[in-house]
Amino acid sequence: MKLDAKTLKGSYPPLVTPFKDGKVDYDAYAKLVEFQVKNGSHGIVVCGTTSEPSTLSVEERQRCLEVALEASGGKNRKIEIVAATGSQSHAETVALSGHADKTDADALLIVTPYYIRPSQKGLTAYYLDLAKRVGKPWMIYHIPGRAAVSVTLDTMKAIVDGAPNFVGMKHAVDDLGFVSKCIDAFGPEFRIFVGLEDLSFPMMAVGACGLMNAVGNLAPKRLVELCELVFAGKLEAAKKLHYELFEINQAVFYDTNPTPMKYMMKRLGILERNEHRLPMLPAAPELEKRLDGVLARAGLIAKAAAE
């Protein structure tokens, strides 16, 4: 499947899920989508890891996608929508992927099935089965730290050979070498999105097509700027911005994502409520103070407010 040069390229923040009294707040979710459109993000990811997807029902995940499509402007939207449709369950993944495939979403992102720890042959069979069920371009979400399974280059090759609509991956692991190996094997048009904030600039410098970083919920314009600098070949300026973002990128992981992110979003007025579903919890007071310091040093809140 040949993609347009501008398709699946740039900053695609994975949106958090706002809750209100235990229920998904779809009105607040629509506002988060509008915030991304207003701030120039190239796309968004619906129900990625940052959205706490394992705490959502299939129906809630499907509705989040529908709301995102509506809030971004429907068929006239200027922002791409990537639907994260993976689960630990093949049946749930089939249901989510089938639903997304019938919408106007631009692509699917399917996580390696977590908890199960399948073999490489099992992963290949899993993805080839899913690929036959959908017509849209889709990518693997490679996050071994959460899923407890890695995808090998041989497995990637088998999937590429058997699924014409397989176009790339989100790579959320500290392994730049694997990125180079994939681009060398599949060509520069193979889409690889950065999934770890610390590697945003380095991974793009070796050929990644963009970012799917949680911190895009907080500072979308700066991530768009980073992408555009790399695309323009202005690597010194991109490197400088990378280090300006470095502390806030690390802060995303001061606790399990999205606990720090939701606190910082509420602190900046982007999110009305800092609410999670169990087993996730809001930031503890000591973490709040630490994150306030990060926001102050990043110039996002006044230093006096952080003291």
C-alpha atoms as a PDB file:
ATOM      1  CA  MET A   1       0.000   0.000   0.000  1.00  0.00           C
ATOM      2  CA  LYS A   2       1.589   3.261  -1.160  1.00  0.00           C
ATOM      3  CA  LEU A   3       0.851   6.256   1.051  1.00  0.00           C
ATOM      4  CA  ASP A   4       0.808   9.901   0.095  1.00  0.00           C
ATOM      5  CA  ALA A   5       4.021  11.632   1.192  1.00  0.00           C
ATOM      6  CA  LYS A   6       2.148  13.715   3.803  1.00  0.00           C
ATOM      7  CA  THR A   7       0.056  10.864   5.196  1.00  0.00           C
ATOM      8  CA  LEU A   8       0.994   9.560   8.638  1.00  0.00           C
ATOM      9  CA  LYS A   9       3.771  12.063   9.118  1.00  0.00           C
ATOM     10  CA  GLY A  10       4.288  14.521  11.967  1.00  0.00           C
ATOM     11  CA  SER A  11       3.075  14.884  15.553  1.00  0.00           C
ATOM     12  CA  TYR A  12       0.123  12.683  16.583  1.00  0.00           C
ATOM     13  CA  PRO A  13      -0.475  13.041  20.335  1.00  0.00           C
ATOM     14  CA  PRO A  14      -2.248  10.073  21.971  1.00  0.00           C
ATOM     15  CA  LEU A  15      -5.095  11.764  23.822  1.00  0.00           C
ATOM     16  CA  VAL A  16      -5.919  11.155  27.469  1.00  0.00           C
ATOM     17  CA  THR A  17      -9.446  10.053  28.394  1.00  0.00           C
ATOM     18  CA  PRO A  18     -11.329  12.572  30.565  1.00  0.00           C
ATOM     19  CA  PHE A  19     -13.594  11.052  33.206  1.00  0.00           C
ATOM     20  CA  LYS A  20     -16.430  12.628  35.166  1.00  0.00           C
ATOM     21  CA  ASP A  21     -17.813  10.752  38.159  1.00  0.00           C
ATOM     22  CA  GLY A  22     -16.469   7.492  36.787  1.00  0.00           C
ATOM     23  CA  LYS A  23     -17.867   7.886  33.273  1.00  0.00           C
ATOM     24  CA  VAL A  24     -16.091   8.951  30.084  1.00  0.00           C
ATOM     25  CA  ASP A  25     -16.674  12.679  29.591  1.00  0.00           C
ATOM     26  CA  TYR A  26     -17.204  12.796  25.836  1.00  0.00           C
ATOM     27  CA  ASP A  27     -17.825  16.556  25.816  1.00  0.00           C
ATOM     28  CA  ALA A  28     -14.441  17.106  27.447  1.00  0.00           C
ATOM     29  CA  TYR A  29     -12.898  14.627  25.001  1.00  0.00           C
ATOM     30  CA  ALA A  30     -14.245  16.644  22.071  1.00  0.00           C
ATOM     31  CA  LYS A  31     -12.602  19.747  23.544  1.00  0.00           C
ATOM     32  CA  LEU A  32      -9.259  17.936  23.734  1.00  0.00           C
ATOM     33  CA  VAL A  33      -9.573  17.077  20.042  1.00  0.00           C
ATOM     34  CA  GLU A  34     -10.407  20.699  19.222  1.00  0.00           C
ATOM     35  CA  PHE A  35      -7.373  21.798  21.267  1.00  0.00           C
ATOM     36  CA  GLN A  36      -5.124  19.640  19.098  1.00  0.00           C
ATOM     37  CA  VAL A  37      -6.670  20.951  15.882  1.00  0.00           C
ATOM     38  CA  LYS A  38      -6.280  24.550  17.068  1.00  0.00           C
ATOM     39  CA  ASN A  39      -2.634  23.995  17.980  1.00  0.00           C
ATOM     40  CA  GLY A  40      -1.681  22.509  14.638  1.00  0.00           C
ATOM     41  CA  SER A  41      -1.051  18.845  15.425  1.00  0.00           C
ATOM     42  CA  HIS A  42      -0.738  16.767  12.283  1.00  0.00           C
ATOM     43  CA  GLY A  43      -2.949  14.078  13.779  1.00  0.00           C
ATOM     44  CA  ILE A  44      -4.114  12.421  16.974  1.00  0.00           C
ATOM     45  CA  VAL A  45      -4.194   8.878  18.318  1.00  0.00           C
ATOM     46  CA  VAL A  46      -7.488   7.745  19.824  1.00  0.00           C
ATOM     47  CA  CYS A  47      -7.294   5.248  22.704  1.00  0.00           C
ATOM     48  CA  GLY A  48      -3.549   4.748  22.835  1.00  0.00           C
ATOM     49  CA  THR A  49      -1.795   3.828  26.076  1.00  0.00           C
ATOM     50  CA  THR A  50      -2.173   7.373  27.429  1.00  0.00           C
ATOM     51  CA  SER A  51      -5.957   6.994  27.274  1.00  0.00           C
ATOM     52  CA  GLU A  52      -5.978   4.163  29.858  1.00  0.00           C
ATOM     53  CA  PRO A  53      -7.581   1.855  27.241  1.00  0.00           C
ATOM     54  CA  SER A  54      -7.547  -1.294  29.365  1.00  0.00           C
ATOM     55  CA  THR A  55      -9.978   0.447  31.737  1.00  0.00           C
ATOM     56  CA  LEU A  56     -12.384   1.282  28.895  1.00  0.00           C
ATOM     57  CA  SER A  57     -15.065  -0.950  27.424  1.00  0.00           C
ATOM     58  CA  VAL A  58     -15.134  -1.751  23.712  1.00  0.00           C
ATOM     59  CA  GLU A  59     -18.182   0.487  23.370  1.00  0.00           C
ATOM     60  CA  GLU A  60     -16.445   3.401  25.125  1.00  0.00           C
ATOM     61  CA  ARG A  61     -13.414   3.071  22.867  1.00  0.00           C
ATOM     62  CA  GLN A  62     -15.619   3.010  19.790  1.00  0.00           C
ATOM     63  CA  ARG A  63     -17.494   6.088  20.967  1.00  0.00           C
ATOM     64  CA  CYS A  64     -14.228   7.958  21.629  1.00  0.00           C
ATOM     65  CA  LEU A  65     -13.275   7.399  18.000  1.00  0.00           C
ATOM     66  CA  GLU A  66     -16.660   8.619  16.771  1.00  0.00           C
ATOM     67  CA  VAL A  67     -16.407  11.734  18.949  1.00  0.00           C
ATOM     68  CA  ALA A  68     -12.872  12.426  17.705  1.00  0.00           C
ATOM     69  CA  LEU A  69     -13.980  12.194  14.094  1.00  0.00           C
ATOM     70  CA  GLU A  70     -16.906  14.528  14.711  1.00  0.00           C
ATOM     71  CA  ALA A  71     -14.965  17.064  16.800  1.00  0.00           C
ATOM     72  CA  SER A  72     -12.092  17.261  14.307  1.00  0.00           C
ATOM     73  CA  GLY A  73     -14.398  18.385  11.503  1.00  0.00           C
ATOM     74  CA  GLY A  74     -15.774  15.159  10.055  1.00  0.00           C
ATOM     75  CA  LYS A  75     -14.946  14.532   6.418  1.00  0.00           C
ATOM     76  CA  ASN A  76     -13.656  18.106   6.097  1.00  0.00           C
ATOM     77  CA  ARG A  77     -11.122  17.779   8.890  1.00  0.00           C
ATOM     78  CA  LYS A  78      -7.540  18.921   8.460  1.00  0.00           C
ATOM     79  CA  ILE A  79      -6.105  16.523  11.008  1.00  0.00           C
ATOM     80  CA  GLU A  80      -5.530  12.789  10.667  1.00  0.00           C
ATOM     81  CA  ILE A  81      -7.087  10.316  13.080  1.00  0.00           C
ATOM     82  CA  VAL A  82      -5.292   7.112  14.042  1.00  0.00           C
ATOM     83  CA  ALA A  83      -7.475   4.630  15.899  1.00  0.00           C
ATOM     84  CA  ALA A  84      -5.631   2.455  18.413  1.00  0.00           C
ATOM     85  CA  THR A  85      -7.641  -0.761  18.213  1.00  0.00           C
ATOM     86  CA  GLY A  86      -5.462  -3.351  19.921  1.00  0.00           C
ATOM     87  CA  SER A  87      -6.247  -5.331  23.045  1.00  0.00           C
ATOM     88  CA  GLN A  88      -4.989  -8.420  24.844  1.00  0.00           C
ATOM     89  CA  SER A  89      -8.001 -10.184  23.354  1.00  0.00           C
ATOM     90  CA  HIS A  90      -8.167 -11.162  19.685  1.00  0.00           C
ATOM     91  CA  ALA A  91     -11.968 -10.892  19.772  1.00  0.00           C
ATOM     92  CA  GLU A  92     -11.857  -7.355  21.199  1.00  0.00           C
ATOM     93  CA  THR A  93      -9.217  -6.324  18.683  1.00  0.00           C
ATOM     94  CA  VAL A  94     -11.355  -7.689  15.840  1.00  0.00           C
ATOM     95  CA  ALA A  95     -14.375  -5.746  17.128  1.00  0.00           C
ATOM     96  CA  LEU A  96     -12.446  -2.503  17.589  1.00  0.00           C
ATOM     97  CA  SER A  97     -10.587  -2.788  14.290  1.00  0.00           C
ATOM     98  CA  GLY A  98     -13.711  -3.698  12.363  1.00  0.00           C
ATOM     99  CA  HIS A  99     -15.541  -0.691  13.768  1.00  0.00           C
ATOM    100  CA  ALA A 100     -12.654   1.687  13.012  1.00  0.00           C
ATOM    101  CA  ASP A 101     -12.294   0.298   9.508  1.00  0.00           C
ATOM    102  CA  LYS A 102     -15.876   1.375   8.727  1.00  0.00           C
ATOM    103  CA  THR A 103     -15.284   4.949   9.894  1.00  0.00           C
ATOM    104  CA  ASP A 104     -13.335   7.805   8.301  1.00  0.00           C
ATOM    105  CA  ALA A 105     -10.288   7.116  10.490  1.00  0.00           C
ATOM    106  CA  ASP A 106      -7.060   7.355   8.504  1.00  0.00           C
ATOM    107  CA  ALA A 107      -5.224   4.371   9.977  1.00  0.00           C
ATOM    108  CA  LEU A 108      -5.214   1.785  12.739  1.00  0.00           C
ATOM    109  CA  LEU A 109      -2.594   1.214  15.431  1.00  0.00           C
ATOM    110  CA  ILE A 110      -2.652  -2.319  16.864  1.00  0.00           C
ATOM    111  CA  VAL A 111      -0.654  -3.089  19.995  1.00  0.00           C
ATOM    112  CA  THR A 112       1.104  -6.403  20.444  1.00  0.00           C
ATOM    113  CA  PRO A 113      -1.259  -8.466  22.625  1.00  0.00           C
ATOM    114  CA  TYR A 114      -0.171  -7.878  26.192  1.00  0.00           C
ATOM    115  CA  TYR A 115      -0.011 -10.311  29.129  1.00  0.00           C
ATOM    116  CA  ILE A 116      -0.129 -13.378  26.831  1.00  0.00           C
ATOM    117  CA  ARG A 117       3.537 -13.196  25.728  1.00  0.00           C
ATOM    118  CA  PRO A 118       2.949 -14.993  22.405  1.00  0.00           C
ATOM    119  CA  SER A 119       5.651 -16.583  20.264  1.00  0.00           C
ATOM    120  CA  GLN A 120       6.918 -14.806  17.148  1.00  0.00           C
ATOM    121  CA  LYS A 121       4.931 -17.287  15.028  1.00  0.00           C
ATOM    122  CA  GLY A 122       1.879 -16.443  17.084  1.00  0.00           C
ATOM    123  CA  LEU A 123       2.426 -12.716  16.574  1.00  0.00           C
ATOM    124  CA  THR A 124       2.801 -13.209  12.827  1.00  0.00           C
ATOM    125  CA  ALA A 125      -0.397 -15.253  12.593  1.00  0.00           C
ATOM    126  CA  TYR A 126      -2.241 -12.742  14.803  1.00  0.00           C
ATOM    127  CA  TYR A 127      -1.351  -9.731  12.707  1.00  0.00           C
ATOM    128  CA  LEU A 128      -1.858 -11.451   9.349  1.00  0.00           C
ATOM    129  CA  ASP A 129      -5.316 -12.504  10.479  1.00  0.00           C
ATOM    130  CA  LEU A 130      -6.192  -8.940  11.511  1.00  0.00           C
ATOM    131  CA  ALA A 131      -4.754  -7.504   8.303  1.00  0.00           C
ATOM    132  CA  LYS A 132      -7.170  -9.587   6.229  1.00  0.00           C
ATOM    133  CA  ARG A 133     -10.118  -8.167   8.138  1.00  0.00           C
ATOM    134  CA  VAL A 134      -9.459  -4.468   7.456  1.00  0.00           C
ATOM    135  CA  GLY A 135      -8.811  -2.353   4.397  1.00  0.00           C
ATOM    136  CA  LYS A 136      -7.209   0.674   6.015  1.00  0.00           C
ATOM    137  CA  PRO A 137      -3.476   1.103   6.514  1.00  0.00           C
ATOM    138  CA  TRP A 138      -2.394  -0.151   9.891  1.00  0.00           C
ATOM    139  CA  MET A 139       0.669  -0.132  12.112  1.00  0.00           C
ATOM    140  CA  ILE A 140       2.034  -2.259  14.915  1.00  0.00           C
ATOM    141  CA  TYR A 141       2.266  -0.621  18.323  1.00  0.00           C
ATOM    142  CA  HIS A 142       5.560  -1.984  19.659  1.00  0.00           C
ATOM    143  CA  ILE A 143       5.759  -1.415  23.405  1.00  0.00           C
ATOM    144  CA  PRO A 144       7.497  -4.359  25.078  1.00  0.00           C
ATOM    145  CA  GLY A 145       7.726  -2.550  28.421  1.00  0.00           C
ATOM    146  CA  ARG A 146       3.938  -2.784  28.720  1.00  0.00           C
ATOM    147  CA  ALA A 147       3.152  -5.813  26.559  1.00  0.00           C
ATOM    148  CA  ALA A 148       6.059  -8.024  27.703  1.00  0.00           C
ATOM    149  CA  VAL A 149       6.741  -9.128  24.123  1.00  0.00           C
ATOM    150  CA  SER A 150       9.026  -7.760  21.398  1.00  0.00           C
ATOM    151  CA  VAL A 151       8.643  -8.045  17.646  1.00  0.00           C
ATOM    152  CA  THR A 152      11.717  -9.280  15.773  1.00  0.00           C
ATOM    153  CA  LEU A 153      12.852  -8.088  12.371  1.00  0.00           C
ATOM    154  CA  ASP A 154      12.058 -11.509  10.871  1.00  0.00           C
ATOM    155  CA  THR A 155       8.514 -11.255  12.197  1.00  0.00           C
ATOM    156  CA  MET A 156       8.188  -7.760  10.728  1.00  0.00           C
ATOM    157  CA  LYS A 157       9.397  -9.091   7.370  1.00  0.00           C
ATOM    158  CA  ALA A 158       6.821 -11.900   7.434  1.00  0.00           C
ATOM    159  CA  ILE A 159       4.042  -9.413   8.161  1.00  0.00           C
ATOM    160  CA  VAL A 160       5.238  -7.016   5.442  1.00  0.00           C
ATOM    161  CA  ASP A 161       5.269  -9.894   2.942  1.00  0.00           C
ATOM    162  CA  GLY A 162       1.788 -11.075   3.915  1.00  0.00           C
ATOM    163  CA  ALA A 163      -0.103  -7.828   4.533  1.00  0.00           C
ATOM    164  CA  PRO A 164      -0.020  -5.093   1.861  1.00  0.00           C
ATOM    165  CA  ASN A 165      -1.858  -2.666   4.183  1.00  0.00           C
ATOM    166  CA  PHE A 166       0.819  -2.935   6.916  1.00  0.00           C
ATOM    167  CA  VAL A 167       2.612   0.414   6.709  1.00  0.00           C
ATOM    168  CA  GLY A 168       4.649   0.918   9.869  1.00  0.00           C
ATOM    169  CA  MET A 169       4.871   0.933  13.646  1.00  0.00           C
ATOM    170  CA  LYS A 170       4.898   3.041  16.749  1.00  0.00           C
ATOM    171  CA  HIS A 171       8.193   2.183  18.422  1.00  0.00           C
ATOM    172  CA  ALA A 172       8.064   2.683  22.189  1.00  0.00           C
ATOM    173  CA  VAL A 173      11.291   1.048  23.269  1.00  0.00           C
ATOM    174  CA  ASP A 174      14.843   2.291  23.822  1.00  0.00           C
ATOM    175  CA  ASP A 175      16.279   0.697  20.667  1.00  0.00           C
ATOM    176  CA  LEU A 176      17.424   3.048  17.912  1.00  0.00           C
ATOM    177  CA  GLY A 177      19.164   0.192  16.151  1.00  0.00           C
ATOM    178  CA  PHE A 178      15.871  -1.548  15.417  1.00  0.00           C
ATOM    179  CA  VAL A 179      14.572   1.608  13.747  1.00  0.00           C
ATOM    180  CA  SER A 180      17.546   1.692  11.392  1.00  0.00           C
ATOM    181  CA  LYS A 181      17.165  -2.020  10.652  1.00  0.00           C
ATOM    182  CA  CYS A 182      13.493  -1.594   9.751  1.00  0.00           C
ATOM    183  CA  ILE A 183      14.122   1.402   7.500  1.00  0.00           C
ATOM    184  CA  ASP A 184      16.990  -0.422   5.848  1.00  0.00           C
ATOM    185  CA  ALA A 185      14.790  -3.500   5.284  1.00  0.00           C
ATOM    186  CA  PHE A 186      11.527  -1.811   4.251  1.00  0.00           C
ATOM    187  CA  GLY A 187      12.622   1.534   2.840  1.00  0.00           C
ATOM    188  CA  PRO A 188      12.292   5.169   3.968  1.00  0.00           C
ATOM    189  CA  GLU A 189       8.555   5.185   3.228  1.00  0.00           C
ATOM    190  CA  PHE A 190       7.958   2.691   6.067  1.00  0.00           C
ATOM    191  CA  ARG A 191       6.335   4.766   8.812  1.00  0.00           C
ATOM    192  CA  ILE A 192       7.983   4.635  12.223  1.00  0.00           C
ATOM    193  CA  PHE A 193       6.577   6.867  14.960  1.00  0.00           C
ATOM    194  CA  VAL A 194       8.541   7.680  18.094  1.00  0.00           C
ATOM    195  CA  GLY A 195       6.795   6.355  21.183  1.00  0.00           C
ATOM    196  CA  LEU A 196       9.323   7.354  23.855  1.00  0.00           C
ATOM    197  CA  GLU A 197       9.680  11.061  24.555  1.00  0.00           C
ATOM    198  CA  ASP A 198      13.410  10.881  25.321  1.00  0.00           C
ATOM    199  CA  LEU A 199      14.085   9.546  21.812  1.00  0.00           C
ATOM    200  CA  SER A 200      12.004  12.110  19.905  1.00  0.00           C
ATOM    201  CA  PHE A 201      14.860  13.875  18.145  1.00  0.00           C
ATOM    202  CA  PRO A 202      17.337  10.976  17.877  1.00  0.00           C
ATOM    203  CA  MET A 203      14.805   8.611  16.333  1.00  0.00           C
ATOM    204  CA  MET A 204      13.537  11.202  13.861  1.00  0.00           C
ATOM    205  CA  ALA A 205      17.127  12.026  12.940  1.00  0.00           C
ATOM    206  CA  VAL A 206      17.642   8.437  11.745  1.00  0.00           C
ATOM    207  CA  GLY A 207      14.395   8.338   9.779  1.00  0.00           C
ATOM    208  CA  ALA A 208      11.308   8.138  12.020  1.00  0.00           C
ATOM    209  CA  CYS A 209       8.326   9.871  10.405  1.00  0.00           C
ATOM    210  CA  GLY A 210       6.963  11.584  13.482  1.00  0.00           C
ATOM    211  CA  LEU A 211       5.932  11.492  17.122  1.00  0.00           C
ATOM    212  CA  MET A 212       3.171   9.760  19.059  1.00  0.00           C
ATOM    213  CA  ASN A 213       4.163  11.206  22.405  1.00  0.00           C
ATOM    214  CA  ALA A 214       1.996  11.759  25.492  1.00  0.00           C
ATOM    215  CA  VAL A 215       3.565  15.165  26.111  1.00  0.00           C
ATOM    216  CA  GLY A 216       1.742  16.326  22.975  1.00  0.00           C
ATOM    217  CA  ASN A 217      -1.345  16.575  25.199  1.00  0.00           C
ATOM    218  CA  LEU A 218       0.445  19.363  27.039  1.00  0.00           C
ATOM    219  CA  ALA A 219       2.547  21.233  24.475  1.00  0.00           C
ATOM    220  CA  PRO A 220       1.310  20.287  20.992  1.00  0.00           C
ATOM    221  CA  LYS A 221       2.780  23.317  19.201  1.00  0.00           C
ATOM    222  CA  ARG A 222       6.301  22.527  20.370  1.00  0.00           C
ATOM    223  CA  LEU A 223       6.110  18.946  19.120  1.00  0.00           C
ATOM    224  CA  VAL A 224       4.816  20.141  15.766  1.00  0.00           C
ATOM    225  CA  GLU A 225       7.757  22.560  15.662  1.00  0.00           C
ATOM    226  CA  LEU A 226      10.208  19.753  16.409  1.00  0.00           C
ATOM    227  CA  CYS A 227       8.825  17.662  13.551  1.00  0.00           C
ATOM    228  CA  GLU A 228       8.860  20.549  11.111  1.00  0.00           C
ATOM    229  CA  LEU A 229      12.469  21.410  11.981  1.00  0.00           C
ATOM    230  CA  VAL A 230      13.600  17.852  11.317  1.00  0.00           C
ATOM    231  CA  PHE A 231      11.615  17.702   8.061  1.00  0.00           C
ATOM    232  CA  ALA A 232      13.306  20.928   6.956  1.00  0.00           C
ATOM    233  CA  GLY A 233      16.751  19.539   7.760  1.00  0.00           C
ATOM    234  CA  LYS A 234      17.318  22.090  10.529  1.00  0.00           C
ATOM    235  CA  LEU A 235      18.856  19.546  12.861  1.00  0.00           C
ATOM    236  CA  GLU A 236      20.767  21.932  15.112  1.00  0.00           C
ATOM    237  CA  ALA A 237      17.586  23.859  15.895  1.00  0.00           C
ATOM    238  CA  ALA A 238      15.706  20.576  16.377  1.00  0.00           C
ATOM    239  CA  LYS A 239      18.382  19.329  18.772  1.00  0.00           C
ATOM    240  CA  LYS A 240      18.143  22.547  20.768  1.00  0.00           C
ATOM    241  CA  LEU A 241      14.360  22.175  21.070  1.00  0.00           C
ATOM    242  CA  HIS A 242      14.798  18.519  22.046  1.00  0.00           C
ATOM    243  CA  TYR A 243      16.829  19.550  25.072  1.00  0.00           C
ATOM    244  CA  GLU A 244      14.422  22.350  25.937  1.00  0.00           C
ATOM    245  CA  LEU A 245      11.716  19.684  26.135  1.00  0.00           C
ATOM    246  CA  PHE A 246      13.917  17.108  27.852  1.00  0.00           C
ATOM    247  CA  GLU A 247      12.809  17.577  31.465  1.00  0.00           C
ATOM    248  CA  ILE A 248       9.116  17.753  30.665  1.00  0.00           C
ATOM    249  CA  ASN A 249       9.509  14.670  28.462  1.00  0.00           C
ATOM    250  CA  GLN A 250      11.021  12.800  31.388  1.00  0.00           C
ATOM    251  CA  ALA A 251       8.296  14.059  33.733  1.00  0.00           C
ATOM    252  CA  VAL A 252       5.715  12.018  31.813  1.00  0.00           C
ATOM    253  CA  PHE A 253       7.277   8.953  33.463  1.00  0.00           C
ATOM    254  CA  TYR A 254       7.706  10.229  37.029  1.00  0.00           C
ATOM    255  CA  ASP A 255       4.777   7.897  37.681  1.00  0.00           C
ATOM    256  CA  THR A 256       2.810   5.552  35.450  1.00  0.00           C
ATOM    257  CA  ASN A 257       1.542   7.385  32.379  1.00  0.00           C
ATOM    258  CA  PRO A 258      -0.903   9.192  32.302  1.00  0.00           C
ATOM    259  CA  THR A 259      -0.864  10.078  36.012  1.00  0.00           C
ATOM    260  CA  PRO A 260       1.697  12.917  35.623  1.00  0.00           C
ATOM    261  CA  MET A 261       0.186  14.019  32.309  1.00  0.00           C
ATOM    262  CA  LYS A 262      -3.356  14.410  33.639  1.00  0.00           C
ATOM    263  CA  TYR A 263      -2.145  16.422  36.617  1.00  0.00           C
ATOM    264  CA  MET A 264      -0.136  18.790  34.429  1.00  0.00           C
ATOM    265  CA  MET A 265      -3.029  19.171  31.978  1.00  0.00           C
ATOM    266  CA  LYS A 266      -5.386  20.123  34.804  1.00  0.00           C
ATOM    267  CA  ARG A 267      -2.749  22.476  36.233  1.00  0.00           C
ATOM    268  CA  LEU A 268      -2.650  24.290  32.883  1.00  0.00           C
ATOM    269  CA  GLY A 269      -6.432  24.323  32.454  1.00  0.00           C
ATOM    270  CA  ILE A 270      -6.412  21.935  29.488  1.00  0.00           C
ATOM    271  CA  LEU A 271      -8.320  19.329  31.486  1.00  0.00           C
ATOM    272  CA  GLU A 272     -11.104  20.195  33.933  1.00  0.00           C
ATOM    273  CA  ARG A 273     -10.778  17.107  36.138  1.00  0.00           C
ATOM    274  CA  ASN A 274      -7.826  14.973  37.144  1.00  0.00           C
ATOM    275  CA  GLU A 275      -9.777  11.734  37.333  1.00  0.00           C
ATOM    276  CA  HIS A 276      -8.687   8.158  36.616  1.00  0.00           C
ATOM    277  CA  ARG A 277     -10.145   4.686  36.763  1.00  0.00           C
ATOM    278  CA  LEU A 278      -8.744   2.072  39.104  1.00  0.00           C
ATOM    279  CA  PRO A 279      -6.105   0.808  39.368  1.00  0.00           C
ATOM    280  CA  MET A 280      -4.808   4.180  38.158  1.00  0.00           C
ATOM    281  CA  LEU A 281      -4.734   7.000  40.714  1.00  0.00           C
ATOM    282  CA  PRO A 282      -4.194  10.784  40.555  1.00  0.00           C
ATOM    283  CA  ALA A 283      -0.790  12.199  41.391  1.00  0.00           C
ATOM    284  CA  ALA A 284       0.167  12.219  45.075  1.00  0.00           C
ATOM    285  CA  PRO A 285       0.912  15.620  46.703  1.00  0.00           C
ATOM    286  CA  GLU A 286       4.689  15.111  46.560  1.00  0.00           C
ATOM    287  CA  LEU A 287       4.464  14.311  42.836  1.00  0.00           C
ATOM    288  CA  GLU A 288       2.252  17.350  42.242  1.00  0.00           C
ATOM    289  CA  LYS A 289       4.937  19.580  43.788  1.00  0.00           C
ATOM    290  CA  ARG A 290       7.642  17.961  41.658  1.00  0.00           C
ATOM    291  CA  LEU A 291       5.580  18.415  38.494  1.00  0.00           C
ATOM    292  CA  ASP A 292       4.847  22.044  39.360  1.00  0.00           C
ATOM    293  CA  GLY A 293       8.581  22.613  39.369  1.00  0.00           C
ATOM    294  CA  VAL A 294       8.900  21.036  35.942  1.00  0.00           C
ATOM    295  CA  LEU A 295       6.110  23.237  34.564  1.00  0.00           C
ATOM    296  CA  ALA A 296       7.692  26.352  36.072  1.00  0.00           C
ATOM    297  CA  ARG A 297      11.132  25.608  34.627  1.00  0.00           C
ATOM    298  CA  ALA A 298       9.478  24.982  31.247  1.00  0.00           C
ATOM    299  CA  GLY A 299       7.862  28.422  31.458  1.00  0.00           C
ATOM    300  CA  LEU A 300       4.342  26.992  31.463  1.00  0.00           C
ATOM    301  CA  ILE A 301       3.424  28.330  34.911  1.00  0.00           C
ATOM    302  CA  ALA A 302       4.854  31.158  36.985  1.00  0.00           C
ATOM    303  CA  LYS A 303       7.693  30.126  39.291  1.00  0.00           C
ATOM    304  CA  ALA A 304       5.864  31.632  42.264  1.00  0.00           C
ATOM    305  CA  ALA A 305       2.923  29.302  41.612  1.00  0.00           C
ATOM    306  CA  ALA A 306       5.195  26.274  41.911  1.00  0.00           C
ATOM    307  CA  GLU A 307       6.512  27.199  45.361  1.00  0.00           C
END
